[in-house]
Amino acid sequence: MPIHIRLDEMLAMRKKQSRELAEYVGITEQNISLIKTGRVKGIRFATLEKMCEFLECQPGDLINYSPD
């Protein structure tokens, strides 16, 4: 798939844990895990907004497109 989720990298760069992100965004750690592995079909803009707010980044920092 040409869309790559870089959430793990951003969490590591910001020295944050998935648990903290899940609490801040208001979703379960399991859903954070699904997002990190790219096993979701979509993500709400409100969720993406809260992730970016927590990680102090832009959506493009979390989602990368690289054609095959």
N, C-alpha and C. Protein backbone atom coordinates (compact mmCIF):
# COMPACT_ATOMS: atom_id res chain seq x y z
N MET A 1 0.83 -1.17 0.00
CA MET A 1 0.00 0.00 0.00
C MET A 1 0.88 1.25 0.00
N PRO A 2 0.57 2.23 -0.80
CA PRO A 2 1.44 3.41 -0.91
C PRO A 2 1.29 4.41 0.24
N ILE A 3 0.31 4.22 1.12
CA ILE A 3 0.15 5.10 2.29
C ILE A 3 0.83 4.45 3.48
N HIS A 4 1.72 5.18 4.13
CA HIS A 4 2.46 4.67 5.29
C HIS A 4 2.18 5.56 6.49
N ILE A 5 1.88 4.93 7.61
CA ILE A 5 1.61 5.64 8.85
C ILE A 5 2.91 5.72 9.65
N ARG A 6 3.29 6.92 10.04
CA ARG A 6 4.55 7.14 10.74
C ARG A 6 4.33 7.49 12.22
N LEU A 7 3.24 7.01 12.78
CA LEU A 7 2.90 7.34 14.16
C LEU A 7 3.95 6.83 15.14
N ASP A 8 4.44 5.63 14.94
CA ASP A 8 5.49 5.08 15.82
C ASP A 8 6.71 5.99 15.84
N GLU A 9 7.12 6.43 14.67
CA GLU A 9 8.30 7.30 14.56
C GLU A 9 8.08 8.62 15.29
N MET A 10 6.90 9.21 15.12
CA MET A 10 6.62 10.48 15.78
C MET A 10 6.55 10.32 17.30
N LEU A 11 5.97 9.24 17.76
CA LEU A 11 5.93 8.98 19.20
C LEU A 11 7.34 8.85 19.75
N ALA A 12 8.20 8.15 19.05
CA ALA A 12 9.59 7.97 19.49
C ALA A 12 10.34 9.30 19.49
N MET A 13 10.14 10.09 18.43
CA MET A 13 10.82 11.38 18.33
C MET A 13 10.41 12.33 19.45
N ARG A 14 9.15 12.25 19.85
CA ARG A 14 8.62 13.14 20.90
C ARG A 14 8.74 12.52 22.30
N LYS A 15 9.27 11.29 22.34
CA LYS A 15 9.43 10.56 23.61
C LYS A 15 8.11 10.45 24.35
N LYS A 16 7.09 10.05 23.62
CA LYS A 16 5.74 9.87 24.16
C LYS A 16 5.35 8.40 24.00
N GLN A 17 4.37 7.97 24.79
CA GLN A 17 3.89 6.59 24.73
C GLN A 17 2.50 6.54 24.12
N SER A 18 2.18 5.41 23.54
CA SER A 18 0.87 5.20 22.94
C SER A 18 -0.25 5.41 23.96
N ARG A 19 -0.02 4.99 25.17
CA ARG A 19 -1.01 5.13 26.24
C ARG A 19 -1.36 6.60 26.47
N GLU A 20 -0.32 7.45 26.51
CA GLU A 20 -0.54 8.89 26.70
C GLU A 20 -1.34 9.48 25.54
N LEU A 21 -0.99 9.07 24.34
CA LEU A 21 -1.69 9.55 23.15
C LEU A 21 -3.15 9.11 23.18
N ALA A 22 -3.39 7.86 23.51
CA ALA A 22 -4.76 7.34 23.55
C ALA A 22 -5.60 8.12 24.55
N GLU A 23 -5.04 8.40 25.72
CA GLU A 23 -5.76 9.16 26.74
C GLU A 23 -6.08 10.56 26.25
N TYR A 24 -5.11 11.21 25.62
CA TYR A 24 -5.29 12.58 25.15
C TYR A 24 -6.34 12.65 24.04
N VAL A 25 -6.27 11.71 23.11
CA VAL A 25 -7.19 11.72 21.97
C VAL A 25 -8.58 11.24 22.38
N GLY A 26 -8.63 10.34 23.36
CA GLY A 26 -9.92 9.82 23.80
C GLY A 26 -10.33 8.56 23.08
N ILE A 27 -9.34 7.77 22.65
CA ILE A 27 -9.61 6.48 22.03
C ILE A 27 -8.80 5.41 22.76
N THR A 28 -9.07 4.16 22.48
CA THR A 28 -8.39 3.08 23.19
C THR A 28 -6.97 2.87 22.65
N GLU A 29 -6.15 2.26 23.48
CA GLU A 29 -4.79 1.91 23.05
C GLU A 29 -4.84 0.92 21.88
N GLN A 30 -5.85 0.07 21.88
CA GLN A 30 -6.01 -0.89 20.79
C GLN A 30 -6.24 -0.15 19.46
N ASN A 31 -7.04 0.90 19.49
CA ASN A 31 -7.27 1.67 18.27
C ASN A 31 -6.00 2.40 17.83
N ILE A 32 -5.22 2.88 18.78
CA ILE A 32 -3.92 3.50 18.44
C ILE A 32 -3.04 2.46 17.75
N SER A 33 -3.02 1.25 18.28
CA SER A 33 -2.24 0.17 17.69
C SER A 33 -2.69 -0.13 16.26
N LEU A 34 -4.00 -0.16 16.05
CA LEU A 34 -4.51 -0.41 14.70
C LEU A 34 -4.11 0.70 13.73
N ILE A 35 -4.13 1.93 14.20
CA ILE A 35 -3.71 3.05 13.36
C ILE A 35 -2.23 2.93 13.04
N LYS A 36 -1.41 2.63 14.06
CA LYS A 36 0.04 2.52 13.87
C LYS A 36 0.40 1.46 12.84
N THR A 37 -0.33 0.37 12.83
CA THR A 37 -0.01 -0.72 11.90
C THR A 37 -0.69 -0.55 10.55
N GLY A 38 -1.51 0.49 10.41
CA GLY A 38 -2.17 0.73 9.13
C GLY A 38 -3.33 -0.20 8.85
N ARG A 39 -3.87 -0.82 9.88
CA ARG A 39 -4.98 -1.76 9.69
C ARG A 39 -6.35 -1.09 9.84
N VAL A 40 -6.41 0.19 9.54
CA VAL A 40 -7.69 0.90 9.56
C VAL A 40 -7.99 1.37 8.14
N LYS A 41 -9.26 1.50 7.84
CA LYS A 41 -9.67 1.96 6.51
C LYS A 41 -9.76 3.47 6.44
N GLY A 42 -9.82 4.11 7.59
CA GLY A 42 -9.94 5.56 7.63
C GLY A 42 -9.69 6.07 9.03
N ILE A 43 -9.59 7.40 9.13
CA ILE A 43 -9.39 8.04 10.42
C ILE A 43 -10.16 9.35 10.39
N ARG A 44 -10.85 9.64 11.45
CA ARG A 44 -11.61 10.88 11.54
C ARG A 44 -10.66 12.06 11.62
N PHE A 45 -11.05 13.16 10.99
CA PHE A 45 -10.23 14.36 11.05
C PHE A 45 -10.07 14.84 12.49
N ALA A 46 -11.10 14.68 13.31
CA ALA A 46 -11.02 15.10 14.71
C ALA A 46 -9.94 14.30 15.44
N THR A 47 -9.84 13.00 15.14
CA THR A 47 -8.81 12.15 15.75
C THR A 47 -7.44 12.58 15.27
N LEU A 48 -7.29 12.80 13.98
CA LEU A 48 -6.02 13.24 13.41
C LEU A 48 -5.61 14.59 14.00
N GLU A 49 -6.58 15.48 14.16
CA GLU A 49 -6.30 16.79 14.73
C GLU A 49 -5.76 16.67 16.15
N LYS A 50 -6.40 15.83 16.98
CA LYS A 50 -5.94 15.65 18.36
C LYS A 50 -4.54 15.01 18.41
N MET A 51 -4.28 14.08 17.49
CA MET A 51 -2.95 13.45 17.43
C MET A 51 -1.89 14.49 17.10
N CYS A 52 -2.19 15.32 16.12
CA CYS A 52 -1.24 16.36 15.73
C CYS A 52 -1.03 17.38 16.86
N GLU A 53 -2.11 17.70 17.55
CA GLU A 53 -2.02 18.62 18.68
C GLU A 53 -1.12 18.04 19.77
N PHE A 54 -1.32 16.78 20.10
CA PHE A 54 -0.54 16.11 21.15
C PHE A 54 0.93 15.99 20.76
N LEU A 55 1.18 15.65 19.51
CA LEU A 55 2.56 15.41 19.04
C LEU A 55 3.22 16.67 18.48
N GLU A 56 2.47 17.78 18.44
CA GLU A 56 2.98 19.05 17.91
C GLU A 56 3.58 18.84 16.52
N CYS A 57 2.73 18.33 15.62
CA CYS A 57 3.19 18.05 14.27
C CYS A 57 2.07 18.35 13.26
N GLN A 58 2.36 18.15 12.02
CA GLN A 58 1.40 18.33 10.93
C GLN A 58 0.91 16.95 10.49
N PRO A 59 -0.28 16.87 9.86
CA PRO A 59 -0.77 15.57 9.38
C PRO A 59 0.22 14.86 8.47
N GLY A 60 0.93 15.62 7.66
CA GLY A 60 1.92 15.03 6.76
C GLY A 60 3.10 14.38 7.49
N ASP A 61 3.29 14.74 8.74
CA ASP A 61 4.34 14.10 9.55
C ASP A 61 3.91 12.70 9.98
N LEU A 62 2.60 12.46 10.02
CA LEU A 62 2.07 11.18 10.47
C LEU A 62 1.72 10.24 9.32
N ILE A 63 1.38 10.81 8.17
CA ILE A 63 0.94 10.02 7.03
C ILE A 63 1.84 10.35 5.84
N ASN A 64 2.38 9.32 5.23
CA ASN A 64 3.30 9.49 4.12
C ASN A 64 2.79 8.73 2.90
N TYR A 65 2.85 9.32 1.75
CA TYR A 65 2.46 8.66 0.49
C TYR A 65 3.72 8.44 -0.33
N SER A 66 3.96 7.19 -0.68
CA SER A 66 5.07 6.89 -1.59
C SER A 66 4.60 5.82 -2.56
N PRO A 67 4.43 6.22 -3.83
CA PRO A 67 3.93 5.27 -4.83
C PRO A 67 4.86 4.08 -5.00
N ASP A 68 4.26 2.96 -5.30
CA ASP A 68 5.05 1.71 -5.48
C ASP A 68 5.96 1.79 -6.68
